[in-house]
Amino acid sequence: MTEEQQPDELERLEQQLDEELDEPARLQAELDETVREKDQLKGMAQRAQADLVNYRRRAAEEMTESRQNSNSRLLVRLLMVLDDMNRAFDAIPEDAVAPGWLDGLELVRRNLQNVMDSEGVTKIETAVGQPFDVHEHEAVFFEPSTDREEGSVMSVIRDGYKLHDRVLRAAQVSVSQRVEPDPPATEERKIDIDQEAP
């Protein structure tokens, strides 16, 4: 090797040595980037899996709710039949004959009630005197009252029902409307009235 070639060779060897010394740092940077990408992909996969679990849960809830509510129109119509049967039983005179026939009708009414129970239909408990609830009651008319708090149930016209937690049919009620009682007639007022009369 000539003296001219030695510096070139020396530079080349130094450059090669520098490259080899830089190699671990470059490899570490590539490894760090690969780990960062892996973590991003892992996070995306976990979010996608969580989204899938949530989607399945929501779909199952919606399907259950849909199943529960799909029969609501039919159940409302059956409630009308049950109302009619209850009114008919209330109208039967106590001295009615044919107890076997009445027992058969009572069995039909009980079976209809059992169907309602098995479908998740429950009666809305409405008591006279309780506050009117816009979510469960339908005000049919107002009744003047001097002894009841305004906005309380005076009477139940038709029972209400729920299908699971949803109101299927609101209870129809009359609602109290507070009126002040007439002041008692005083002796002076009576005399004035008597004098005015012809």
N, C-alpha and C. Protein backbone atom coordinates (compact mmCIF):
# COMPACT_ATOMS: atom_id res chain seq x y z
N MET A 1 0.84 -1.15 0.00
CA MET A 1 0.00 0.00 0.00
C MET A 1 0.89 1.23 0.00
N THR A 2 0.52 2.14 -0.78
CA THR A 2 1.32 3.36 -0.89
C THR A 2 0.87 4.34 0.17
N GLU A 3 1.66 5.36 0.32
CA GLU A 3 1.35 6.34 1.35
C GLU A 3 0.10 7.13 0.99
N GLU A 4 -0.16 7.30 -0.28
CA GLU A 4 -1.36 8.02 -0.70
C GLU A 4 -2.60 7.20 -0.40
N GLN A 5 -2.48 5.93 -0.51
CA GLN A 5 -3.64 5.07 -0.30
C GLN A 5 -3.93 4.93 1.19
N GLN A 6 -2.90 5.09 2.01
CA GLN A 6 -3.11 4.89 3.44
C GLN A 6 -4.12 5.89 4.01
N PRO A 7 -4.04 7.19 3.73
CA PRO A 7 -5.04 8.09 4.30
C PRO A 7 -6.44 7.77 3.78
N ASP A 8 -6.57 7.40 2.51
CA ASP A 8 -7.89 7.04 1.99
C ASP A 8 -8.41 5.80 2.69
N GLU A 9 -7.54 4.87 2.85
CA GLU A 9 -7.92 3.62 3.52
C GLU A 9 -8.26 3.92 4.97
N LEU A 10 -7.49 4.76 5.57
CA LEU A 10 -7.72 5.12 6.96
C LEU A 10 -9.07 5.85 7.10
N GLU A 11 -9.37 6.74 6.18
CA GLU A 11 -10.66 7.44 6.20
C GLU A 11 -11.80 6.46 6.02
N ARG A 12 -11.59 5.54 5.08
CA ARG A 12 -12.63 4.54 4.84
C ARG A 12 -12.86 3.69 6.08
N LEU A 13 -11.79 3.27 6.72
CA LEU A 13 -11.92 2.46 7.92
C LEU A 13 -12.57 3.26 9.06
N GLU A 14 -12.21 4.53 9.17
CA GLU A 14 -12.83 5.37 10.19
C GLU A 14 -14.33 5.54 9.93
N GLN A 15 -14.64 5.73 8.67
CA GLN A 15 -16.05 5.88 8.29
C GLN A 15 -16.79 4.58 8.58
N GLN A 16 -16.20 3.47 8.24
CA GLN A 16 -16.82 2.17 8.50
C GLN A 16 -16.99 1.97 10.00
N LEU A 17 -15.97 2.35 10.78
CA LEU A 17 -16.04 2.23 12.23
C LEU A 17 -17.15 3.12 12.78
N ASP A 18 -17.25 4.36 12.25
CA ASP A 18 -18.32 5.26 12.69
C ASP A 18 -19.70 4.67 12.38
N GLU A 19 -19.83 4.09 11.19
CA GLU A 19 -21.10 3.47 10.81
C GLU A 19 -21.43 2.31 11.73
N GLU A 20 -20.42 1.51 12.04
CA GLU A 20 -20.65 0.36 12.92
C GLU A 20 -20.96 0.82 14.34
N LEU A 21 -20.35 1.93 14.77
CA LEU A 21 -20.65 2.47 16.09
C LEU A 21 -22.06 3.08 16.12
N ASP A 22 -22.50 3.66 15.01
CA ASP A 22 -23.85 4.24 14.92
C ASP A 22 -24.93 3.16 14.76
N GLU A 23 -24.54 1.98 14.34
CA GLU A 23 -25.50 0.89 14.07
C GLU A 23 -26.36 0.57 15.29
N PRO A 24 -25.84 0.40 16.51
CA PRO A 24 -26.71 0.11 17.66
C PRO A 24 -27.73 1.22 17.91
N ALA A 25 -27.33 2.46 17.76
CA ALA A 25 -28.26 3.58 17.97
C ALA A 25 -29.37 3.55 16.93
N ARG A 26 -29.00 3.27 15.67
CA ARG A 26 -30.00 3.18 14.61
C ARG A 26 -30.94 2.02 14.87
N LEU A 27 -30.36 0.87 15.26
CA LEU A 27 -31.19 -0.30 15.56
C LEU A 27 -32.11 -0.03 16.75
N GLN A 28 -31.61 0.68 17.77
CA GLN A 28 -32.43 1.02 18.94
C GLN A 28 -33.58 1.94 18.52
N ALA A 29 -33.32 2.89 17.64
CA ALA A 29 -34.37 3.79 17.15
C ALA A 29 -35.42 3.01 16.38
N GLU A 30 -34.98 2.07 15.54
CA GLU A 30 -35.93 1.23 14.80
C GLU A 30 -36.75 0.38 15.76
N LEU A 31 -36.08 -0.17 16.78
CA LEU A 31 -36.78 -0.99 17.78
C LEU A 31 -37.81 -0.14 18.53
N ASP A 32 -37.42 1.07 18.92
CA ASP A 32 -38.35 1.96 19.62
C ASP A 32 -39.56 2.28 18.75
N GLU A 33 -39.34 2.55 17.48
CA GLU A 33 -40.44 2.84 16.55
C GLU A 33 -41.34 1.62 16.40
N THR A 34 -40.74 0.44 16.30
CA THR A 34 -41.53 -0.79 16.16
C THR A 34 -42.36 -1.03 17.42
N VAL A 35 -41.78 -0.81 18.59
CA VAL A 35 -42.52 -0.98 19.85
C VAL A 35 -43.66 0.03 19.92
N ARG A 36 -43.43 1.27 19.51
CA ARG A 36 -44.47 2.30 19.51
C ARG A 36 -45.62 1.90 18.57
N GLU A 37 -45.28 1.41 17.38
CA GLU A 37 -46.31 0.95 16.44
C GLU A 37 -47.08 -0.22 17.01
N LYS A 38 -46.35 -1.15 17.66
CA LYS A 38 -47.01 -2.31 18.26
C LYS A 38 -47.99 -1.86 19.34
N ASP A 39 -47.58 -0.90 20.19
CA ASP A 39 -48.45 -0.39 21.24
C ASP A 39 -49.69 0.29 20.66
N GLN A 40 -49.50 1.04 19.57
CA GLN A 40 -50.64 1.70 18.91
C GLN A 40 -51.60 0.65 18.37
N LEU A 41 -51.06 -0.36 17.70
CA LEU A 41 -51.91 -1.41 17.14
C LEU A 41 -52.62 -2.19 18.25
N LYS A 42 -51.90 -2.44 19.35
CA LYS A 42 -52.51 -3.15 20.47
C LYS A 42 -53.66 -2.32 21.05
N GLY A 43 -53.43 -1.01 21.21
CA GLY A 43 -54.48 -0.12 21.71
C GLY A 43 -55.69 -0.10 20.79
N MET A 44 -55.42 -0.05 19.48
CA MET A 44 -56.52 -0.07 18.50
C MET A 44 -57.29 -1.38 18.59
N ALA A 45 -56.57 -2.48 18.74
CA ALA A 45 -57.23 -3.79 18.84
C ALA A 45 -58.07 -3.87 20.11
N GLN A 46 -57.56 -3.34 21.22
CA GLN A 46 -58.32 -3.36 22.47
C GLN A 46 -59.57 -2.50 22.36
N ARG A 47 -59.44 -1.32 21.74
CA ARG A 47 -60.62 -0.46 21.56
C ARG A 47 -61.64 -1.12 20.65
N ALA A 48 -61.16 -1.76 19.59
CA ALA A 48 -62.07 -2.45 18.67
C ALA A 48 -62.77 -3.59 19.38
N GLN A 49 -62.04 -4.31 20.23
CA GLN A 49 -62.65 -5.40 20.97
C GLN A 49 -63.69 -4.86 21.96
N ALA A 50 -63.37 -3.76 22.65
CA ALA A 50 -64.32 -3.15 23.58
C ALA A 50 -65.55 -2.65 22.82
N ASP A 51 -65.34 -2.05 21.65
CA ASP A 51 -66.47 -1.60 20.83
C ASP A 51 -67.35 -2.77 20.43
N LEU A 52 -66.74 -3.88 20.08
CA LEU A 52 -67.50 -5.07 19.69
C LEU A 52 -68.31 -5.61 20.87
N VAL A 53 -67.69 -5.66 22.05
CA VAL A 53 -68.40 -6.12 23.24
C VAL A 53 -69.58 -5.19 23.53
N ASN A 54 -69.35 -3.87 23.46
CA ASN A 54 -70.43 -2.91 23.70
C ASN A 54 -71.53 -3.03 22.65
N TYR A 55 -71.15 -3.22 21.40
CA TYR A 55 -72.13 -3.39 20.33
C TYR A 55 -72.99 -4.62 20.59
N ARG A 56 -72.35 -5.73 20.95
CA ARG A 56 -73.11 -6.96 21.22
C ARG A 56 -74.06 -6.76 22.40
N ARG A 57 -73.59 -6.08 23.45
CA ARG A 57 -74.43 -5.83 24.61
C ARG A 57 -75.63 -4.96 24.23
N ARG A 58 -75.35 -3.86 23.49
CA ARG A 58 -76.45 -2.98 23.06
C ARG A 58 -77.43 -3.72 22.16
N ALA A 59 -76.91 -4.53 21.25
CA ALA A 59 -77.79 -5.28 20.34
C ALA A 59 -78.65 -6.25 21.13
N ALA A 60 -78.07 -6.92 22.13
CA ALA A 60 -78.85 -7.85 22.95
C ALA A 60 -79.92 -7.10 23.75
N GLU A 61 -79.56 -5.93 24.30
CA GLU A 61 -80.54 -5.12 25.04
C GLU A 61 -81.66 -4.66 24.13
N GLU A 62 -81.31 -4.19 22.94
CA GLU A 62 -82.33 -3.73 21.99
C GLU A 62 -83.23 -4.87 21.56
N MET A 63 -82.65 -6.05 21.37
CA MET A 63 -83.45 -7.20 20.97
C MET A 63 -84.41 -7.59 22.09
N THR A 64 -83.91 -7.58 23.33
CA THR A 64 -84.77 -7.90 24.47
C THR A 64 -85.90 -6.88 24.59
N GLU A 65 -85.55 -5.59 24.48
CA GLU A 65 -86.56 -4.54 24.56
C GLU A 65 -87.56 -4.66 23.41
N SER A 66 -87.07 -4.96 22.23
CA SER A 66 -87.95 -5.13 21.08
C SER A 66 -88.91 -6.29 21.30
N ARG A 67 -88.37 -7.39 21.82
CA ARG A 67 -89.22 -8.55 22.11
C ARG A 67 -90.28 -8.20 23.14
N GLN A 68 -89.86 -7.48 24.18
CA GLN A 68 -90.80 -7.12 25.24
C GLN A 68 -91.89 -6.19 24.74
N ASN A 69 -91.53 -5.28 23.84
CA ASN A 69 -92.48 -4.28 23.40
C ASN A 69 -93.22 -4.65 22.12
N SER A 70 -92.81 -5.72 21.47
CA SER A 70 -93.44 -6.08 20.19
C SER A 70 -94.90 -6.47 20.36
N ASN A 71 -95.23 -6.99 21.52
CA ASN A 71 -96.61 -7.43 21.75
C ASN A 71 -97.47 -6.34 22.37
N SER A 72 -96.95 -5.15 22.52
CA SER A 72 -97.67 -4.12 23.27
C SER A 72 -99.04 -3.79 22.68
N ARG A 73 -99.16 -3.71 21.36
CA ARG A 73 -100.47 -3.41 20.75
C ARG A 73 -101.47 -4.51 21.08
N LEU A 74 -101.04 -5.76 20.97
CA LEU A 74 -101.93 -6.88 21.29
C LEU A 74 -102.30 -6.85 22.77
N LEU A 75 -101.33 -6.58 23.62
CA LEU A 75 -101.59 -6.57 25.05
C LEU A 75 -102.57 -5.46 25.43
N VAL A 76 -102.47 -4.30 24.79
CA VAL A 76 -103.43 -3.22 25.06
C VAL A 76 -104.83 -3.66 24.68
N ARG A 77 -104.96 -4.34 23.58
CA ARG A 77 -106.29 -4.83 23.16
C ARG A 77 -106.80 -5.89 24.13
N LEU A 78 -105.91 -6.75 24.61
CA LEU A 78 -106.33 -7.76 25.59
C LEU A 78 -106.72 -7.11 26.92
N LEU A 79 -106.08 -5.99 27.25
CA LEU A 79 -106.46 -5.28 28.47
C LEU A 79 -107.90 -4.79 28.37
N MET A 80 -108.32 -4.37 27.18
CA MET A 80 -109.71 -3.94 27.00
C MET A 80 -110.66 -5.10 27.26
N VAL A 81 -110.28 -6.29 26.80
CA VAL A 81 -111.11 -7.48 27.04
C VAL A 81 -111.16 -7.77 28.54
N LEU A 82 -110.01 -7.69 29.20
CA LEU A 82 -109.96 -7.93 30.64
C LEU A 82 -110.81 -6.90 31.39
N ASP A 83 -110.75 -5.63 30.96
CA ASP A 83 -111.60 -4.59 31.56
C ASP A 83 -113.08 -4.95 31.41
N ASP A 84 -113.46 -5.36 30.21
CA ASP A 84 -114.86 -5.73 29.97
C ASP A 84 -115.28 -6.90 30.85
N MET A 85 -114.40 -7.89 30.97
CA MET A 85 -114.73 -9.05 31.82
C MET A 85 -114.87 -8.62 33.28
N ASN A 86 -113.98 -7.76 33.74
CA ASN A 86 -114.08 -7.29 35.13
C ASN A 86 -115.36 -6.50 35.37
N ARG A 87 -115.73 -5.65 34.40
CA ARG A 87 -116.99 -4.90 34.54
C ARG A 87 -118.18 -5.85 34.53
N ALA A 88 -118.12 -6.87 33.69
CA ALA A 88 -119.22 -7.85 33.64
C ALA A 88 -119.34 -8.58 34.97
N PHE A 89 -118.23 -8.96 35.56
CA PHE A 89 -118.29 -9.64 36.86
C PHE A 89 -118.80 -8.72 37.95
N ASP A 90 -118.44 -7.44 37.87
CA ASP A 90 -118.94 -6.49 38.86
C ASP A 90 -120.44 -6.29 38.74
N ALA A 91 -120.99 -6.49 37.54
CA ALA A 91 -122.42 -6.26 37.30
C ALA A 91 -123.28 -7.50 37.58
N ILE A 92 -122.68 -8.64 37.85
CA ILE A 92 -123.45 -9.87 38.09
C ILE A 92 -124.18 -9.72 39.43
N PRO A 93 -125.49 -9.92 39.42
CA PRO A 93 -126.23 -9.83 40.68
C PRO A 93 -125.82 -10.97 41.62
N GLU A 94 -125.92 -10.70 42.91
CA GLU A 94 -125.51 -11.71 43.88
C GLU A 94 -126.40 -12.94 43.86
N ASP A 95 -127.64 -12.80 43.44
CA ASP A 95 -128.55 -13.95 43.42
C ASP A 95 -128.56 -14.64 42.05
N ALA A 96 -127.51 -14.41 41.25
CA ALA A 96 -127.43 -15.02 39.92
C ALA A 96 -127.36 -16.53 40.03
N VAL A 97 -128.02 -17.18 39.08
CA VAL A 97 -128.00 -18.64 39.04
C VAL A 97 -126.90 -19.10 38.10
N ALA A 98 -126.77 -20.38 37.92
CA ALA A 98 -125.78 -21.00 37.04
C ALA A 98 -124.36 -20.74 37.55
N PRO A 99 -124.06 -21.19 38.78
CA PRO A 99 -122.72 -20.96 39.31
C PRO A 99 -121.63 -21.63 38.48
N GLY A 100 -121.93 -22.75 37.83
CA GLY A 100 -120.94 -23.42 36.98
C GLY A 100 -120.52 -22.54 35.82
N TRP A 101 -121.48 -21.87 35.25
CA TRP A 101 -121.22 -20.96 34.14
C TRP A 101 -120.34 -19.81 34.60
N LEU A 102 -120.65 -19.26 35.76
CA LEU A 102 -119.85 -18.17 36.32
C LEU A 102 -118.44 -18.65 36.67
N ASP A 103 -118.33 -19.88 37.17
CA ASP A 103 -117.00 -20.43 37.47
C ASP A 103 -116.17 -20.55 36.20
N GLY A 104 -116.80 -20.93 35.10
CA GLY A 104 -116.10 -21.03 33.82
C GLY A 104 -115.60 -19.67 33.35
N LEU A 105 -116.44 -18.65 33.48
CA LEU A 105 -116.02 -17.29 33.11
C LEU A 105 -114.89 -16.79 34.01
N GLU A 106 -114.98 -17.13 35.29
CA GLU A 106 -113.91 -16.73 36.22
C GLU A 106 -112.59 -17.39 35.82
N LEU A 107 -112.65 -18.64 35.37
CA LEU A 107 -111.45 -19.34 34.91
C LEU A 107 -110.85 -18.64 33.69
N VAL A 108 -111.71 -18.23 32.76
CA VAL A 108 -111.24 -17.51 31.57
C VAL A 108 -110.56 -16.20 31.99
N ARG A 109 -111.18 -15.48 32.92
CA ARG A 109 -110.61 -14.22 33.38
C ARG A 109 -109.25 -14.45 34.06
N ARG A 110 -109.16 -15.49 34.88
CA ARG A 110 -107.88 -15.80 35.55
C ARG A 110 -106.81 -16.17 34.54
N ASN A 111 -107.20 -16.97 33.51
CA ASN A 111 -106.23 -17.36 32.47
C ASN A 111 -105.73 -16.13 31.71
N LEU A 112 -106.63 -15.23 31.40
CA LEU A 112 -106.24 -14.00 30.71
C LEU A 112 -105.29 -13.18 31.58
N GLN A 113 -105.58 -13.11 32.87
CA GLN A 113 -104.70 -12.39 33.80
C GLN A 113 -103.34 -13.07 33.88
N ASN A 114 -103.31 -14.41 33.86
CA ASN A 114 -102.04 -15.15 33.89
C ASN A 114 -101.20 -14.87 32.65
N VAL A 115 -101.86 -14.75 31.49
CA VAL A 115 -101.15 -14.40 30.25
C VAL A 115 -100.50 -13.03 30.41
N MET A 116 -101.26 -12.09 30.95
CA MET A 116 -100.72 -10.74 31.16
C MET A 116 -99.52 -10.78 32.10
N ASP A 117 -99.66 -11.52 33.18
CA ASP A 117 -98.57 -11.63 34.15
C ASP A 117 -97.33 -12.23 33.51
N SER A 118 -97.51 -13.28 32.72
CA SER A 118 -96.36 -13.96 32.11
C SER A 118 -95.66 -13.08 31.07
N GLU A 119 -96.39 -12.13 30.49
CA GLU A 119 -95.79 -11.21 29.51
C GLU A 119 -95.14 -10.00 30.18
N GLY A 120 -95.28 -9.89 31.50
CA GLY A 120 -94.66 -8.78 32.22
C GLY A 120 -95.57 -7.59 32.40
N VAL A 121 -96.87 -7.78 32.23
CA VAL A 121 -97.84 -6.69 32.40
C VAL A 121 -98.22 -6.63 33.88
N THR A 122 -98.07 -5.45 34.48
CA THR A 122 -98.45 -5.26 35.88
C THR A 122 -99.36 -4.04 36.00
N LYS A 123 -100.25 -4.12 36.95
CA LYS A 123 -101.20 -3.03 37.19
C LYS A 123 -100.48 -1.88 37.88
N ILE A 124 -100.77 -0.67 37.45
CA ILE A 124 -100.24 0.53 38.11
C ILE A 124 -101.08 0.76 39.36
N GLU A 125 -100.44 0.72 40.50
CA GLU A 125 -101.17 0.93 41.75
C GLU A 125 -101.51 2.41 41.89
N THR A 126 -102.78 2.69 41.86
CA THR A 126 -103.26 4.07 41.97
C THR A 126 -104.25 4.13 43.11
N ALA A 127 -103.95 4.93 44.11
CA ALA A 127 -104.82 5.05 45.27
C ALA A 127 -105.46 6.43 45.30
N VAL A 128 -106.70 6.46 45.76
CA VAL A 128 -107.40 7.73 45.93
C VAL A 128 -106.63 8.55 46.95
N GLY A 129 -106.38 9.80 46.62
CA GLY A 129 -105.66 10.69 47.52
C GLY A 129 -104.19 10.85 47.19
N GLN A 130 -103.65 9.94 46.39
CA GLN A 130 -102.23 10.08 46.04
C GLN A 130 -102.06 11.19 45.02
N PRO A 131 -100.87 11.79 44.94
CA PRO A 131 -100.66 12.87 43.96
C PRO A 131 -100.77 12.35 42.52
N PHE A 132 -101.29 13.20 41.66
CA PHE A 132 -101.40 12.89 40.24
C PHE A 132 -99.99 12.80 39.66
N ASP A 133 -99.72 11.72 38.91
CA ASP A 133 -98.40 11.50 38.30
C ASP A 133 -98.59 11.50 36.78
N VAL A 134 -98.02 12.50 36.11
CA VAL A 134 -98.21 12.63 34.66
C VAL A 134 -97.65 11.45 33.89
N HIS A 135 -96.74 10.70 34.48
CA HIS A 135 -96.14 9.56 33.79
C HIS A 135 -97.02 8.31 33.85
N GLU A 136 -97.88 8.23 34.87
CA GLU A 136 -98.69 7.03 35.05
C GLU A 136 -100.19 7.28 34.98
N HIS A 137 -100.59 8.54 35.05
CA HIS A 137 -102.02 8.86 35.08
C HIS A 137 -102.43 9.72 33.90
N GLU A 138 -103.68 9.57 33.53
CA GLU A 138 -104.30 10.43 32.52
C GLU A 138 -105.50 11.08 33.18
N ALA A 139 -105.49 12.41 33.27
CA ALA A 139 -106.60 13.13 33.91
C ALA A 139 -107.77 13.17 32.94
N VAL A 140 -108.89 12.59 33.35
CA VAL A 140 -110.09 12.58 32.51
C VAL A 140 -110.93 13.83 32.79
N PHE A 141 -111.04 14.19 34.06
CA PHE A 141 -111.73 15.42 34.42
C PHE A 141 -111.28 15.85 35.82
N PHE A 142 -111.63 17.10 36.15
CA PHE A 142 -111.29 17.65 37.46
C PHE A 142 -112.55 17.69 38.31
N GLU A 143 -112.40 17.43 39.60
CA GLU A 143 -113.51 17.49 40.55
C GLU A 143 -113.20 18.55 41.59
N PRO A 144 -114.13 19.47 41.80
CA PRO A 144 -113.90 20.45 42.87
C PRO A 144 -113.86 19.74 44.22
N SER A 145 -112.96 20.16 45.07
CA SER A 145 -112.83 19.54 46.39
C SER A 145 -112.41 20.58 47.40
N THR A 146 -113.05 20.52 48.56
CA THR A 146 -112.67 21.43 49.64
C THR A 146 -111.77 20.74 50.65
N ASP A 147 -111.76 19.42 50.64
CA ASP A 147 -110.99 18.70 51.66
C ASP A 147 -109.75 17.98 51.12
N ARG A 148 -109.57 17.95 49.82
CA ARG A 148 -108.40 17.26 49.25
C ARG A 148 -107.43 18.28 48.69
N GLU A 149 -106.16 17.93 48.76
CA GLU A 149 -105.11 18.78 48.19
C GLU A 149 -105.26 18.82 46.68
N GLU A 150 -105.04 19.98 46.09
CA GLU A 150 -105.17 20.11 44.64
C GLU A 150 -104.17 19.20 43.94
N GLY A 151 -104.65 18.54 42.89
CA GLY A 151 -103.78 17.67 42.11
C GLY A 151 -103.69 16.26 42.64
N SER A 152 -104.58 15.88 43.54
CA SER A 152 -104.56 14.50 44.02
C SER A 152 -105.66 13.70 43.32
N VAL A 153 -105.48 12.40 43.28
CA VAL A 153 -106.43 11.51 42.60
C VAL A 153 -107.71 11.44 43.43
N MET A 154 -108.84 11.71 42.78
CA MET A 154 -110.14 11.64 43.45
C MET A 154 -110.78 10.27 43.24
N SER A 155 -110.66 9.75 42.01
CA SER A 155 -111.21 8.42 41.72
C SER A 155 -110.48 7.83 40.52
N VAL A 156 -110.51 6.50 40.44
CA VAL A 156 -109.89 5.80 39.32
C VAL A 156 -111.01 5.36 38.38
N ILE A 157 -110.98 5.85 37.16
CA ILE A 157 -112.00 5.52 36.18
C ILE A 157 -111.63 4.22 35.47
N ARG A 158 -110.35 4.09 35.10
CA ARG A 158 -109.87 2.87 34.43
C ARG A 158 -108.45 2.61 34.90
N ASP A 159 -108.18 1.35 35.25
CA ASP A 159 -106.84 0.98 35.74
C ASP A 159 -105.79 1.17 34.65
N GLY A 160 -104.59 1.47 35.09
CA GLY A 160 -103.45 1.59 34.18
C GLY A 160 -102.54 0.38 34.34
N TYR A 161 -101.72 0.13 33.32
CA TYR A 161 -100.83 -1.04 33.33
C TYR A 161 -99.47 -0.66 32.76
N LYS A 162 -98.46 -1.39 33.24
CA LYS A 162 -97.10 -1.25 32.72
C LYS A 162 -96.69 -2.56 32.07
N LEU A 163 -95.86 -2.44 31.06
CA LEU A 163 -95.20 -3.59 30.44
C LEU A 163 -93.74 -3.47 30.83
N HIS A 164 -93.35 -4.29 31.80
CA HIS A 164 -92.03 -4.19 32.43
C HIS A 164 -91.93 -2.81 33.06
N ASP A 165 -91.03 -1.94 32.62
CA ASP A 165 -90.89 -0.62 33.24
C ASP A 165 -91.56 0.49 32.42
N ARG A 166 -92.19 0.14 31.32
CA ARG A 166 -92.78 1.13 30.43
C ARG A 166 -94.30 1.15 30.60
N VAL A 167 -94.87 2.35 30.65
CA VAL A 167 -96.33 2.46 30.79
C VAL A 167 -96.98 1.97 29.50
N LEU A 168 -97.81 0.96 29.64
CA LEU A 168 -98.54 0.40 28.51
C LEU A 168 -99.83 1.18 28.29
N ARG A 169 -100.50 1.47 29.40
CA ARG A 169 -101.73 2.27 29.36
C ARG A 169 -101.82 3.03 30.67
N ALA A 170 -101.93 4.34 30.58
CA ALA A 170 -102.01 5.16 31.79
C ALA A 170 -103.35 4.94 32.48
N ALA A 171 -103.35 5.06 33.80
CA ALA A 171 -104.59 4.96 34.56
C ALA A 171 -105.39 6.23 34.33
N GLN A 172 -106.67 6.07 34.03
CA GLN A 172 -107.54 7.23 33.85
C GLN A 172 -108.12 7.59 35.21
N VAL A 173 -107.93 8.84 35.60
CA VAL A 173 -108.34 9.26 36.93
C VAL A 173 -109.03 10.62 36.88
N SER A 174 -109.81 10.88 37.93
CA SER A 174 -110.30 12.25 38.13
C SER A 174 -109.36 12.89 39.14
N VAL A 175 -109.14 14.19 38.97
CA VAL A 175 -108.15 14.90 39.78
C VAL A 175 -108.84 16.02 40.54
N SER A 176 -108.42 16.20 41.79
CA SER A 176 -109.04 17.23 42.63
C SER A 176 -108.60 18.62 42.19
N GLN A 177 -109.57 19.52 42.28
CA GLN A 177 -109.31 20.93 42.01
C GLN A 177 -109.79 21.68 43.25
N ARG A 178 -108.87 22.28 43.92
CA ARG A 178 -109.16 22.90 45.22
C ARG A 178 -110.09 24.09 45.06
N VAL A 179 -111.15 24.09 45.85
CA VAL A 179 -112.04 25.24 45.93
C VAL A 179 -112.17 25.61 47.40
N GLU A 180 -112.32 26.86 47.64
CA GLU A 180 -112.46 27.31 49.02
C GLU A 180 -113.92 27.10 49.44
N PRO A 181 -114.12 26.59 50.64
CA PRO A 181 -115.50 26.40 51.10
C PRO A 181 -116.18 27.75 51.27
N ASP A 182 -117.50 27.75 51.08
CA ASP A 182 -118.26 28.99 51.27
C ASP A 182 -118.14 29.41 52.73
N PRO A 183 -117.99 30.69 52.95
CA PRO A 183 -117.90 31.14 54.35
C PRO A 183 -119.25 30.91 55.03
N PRO A 184 -119.22 30.58 56.29
CA PRO A 184 -120.50 30.35 56.98
C PRO A 184 -121.31 31.64 57.02
N ALA A 185 -122.61 31.49 56.88
CA ALA A 185 -123.50 32.66 56.89
C ALA A 185 -123.54 33.22 58.30
N THR A 186 -123.33 34.50 58.41
CA THR A 186 -123.39 35.14 59.72
C THR A 186 -124.79 35.66 59.94
N GLU A 187 -125.12 35.99 61.16
CA GLU A 187 -126.45 36.47 61.50
C GLU A 187 -126.76 37.76 60.75
N GLU A 188 -125.76 38.66 60.64
CA GLU A 188 -125.95 39.93 59.95
C GLU A 188 -126.25 39.70 58.48
N ARG A 189 -125.52 38.77 57.87
CA ARG A 189 -125.71 38.45 56.45
C ARG A 189 -127.10 37.87 56.23
N LYS A 190 -127.59 37.02 57.16
CA LYS A 190 -128.92 36.43 57.04
C LYS A 190 -130.00 37.51 57.06
N ILE A 191 -129.84 38.47 57.93
CA ILE A 191 -130.83 39.54 58.04
C ILE A 191 -130.88 40.34 56.75
N ASP A 192 -129.70 40.66 56.18
CA ASP A 192 -129.66 41.41 54.93
C ASP A 192 -130.37 40.66 53.82
N ILE A 193 -130.15 39.35 53.77
CA ILE A 193 -130.79 38.55 52.73
C ILE A 193 -132.29 38.53 52.93
N ASP A 194 -132.74 38.37 54.19
CA ASP A 194 -134.17 38.33 54.47
C ASP A 194 -134.84 39.66 54.13
N GLN A 195 -134.19 40.78 54.39
CA GLN A 195 -134.76 42.09 54.11
C GLN A 195 -134.85 42.36 52.62
N GLU A 196 -133.91 41.80 51.86
CA GLU A 196 -133.93 42.03 50.42
C GLU A 196 -135.01 41.22 49.73
N ALA A 197 -135.43 40.13 50.34
CA ALA A 197 -136.43 39.27 49.70
C ALA A 197 -137.77 39.98 49.69
N PRO A 198 -138.56 39.92 48.58
CA PRO A 198 -139.86 40.60 48.51
C PRO A 198 -140.93 39.89 49.30
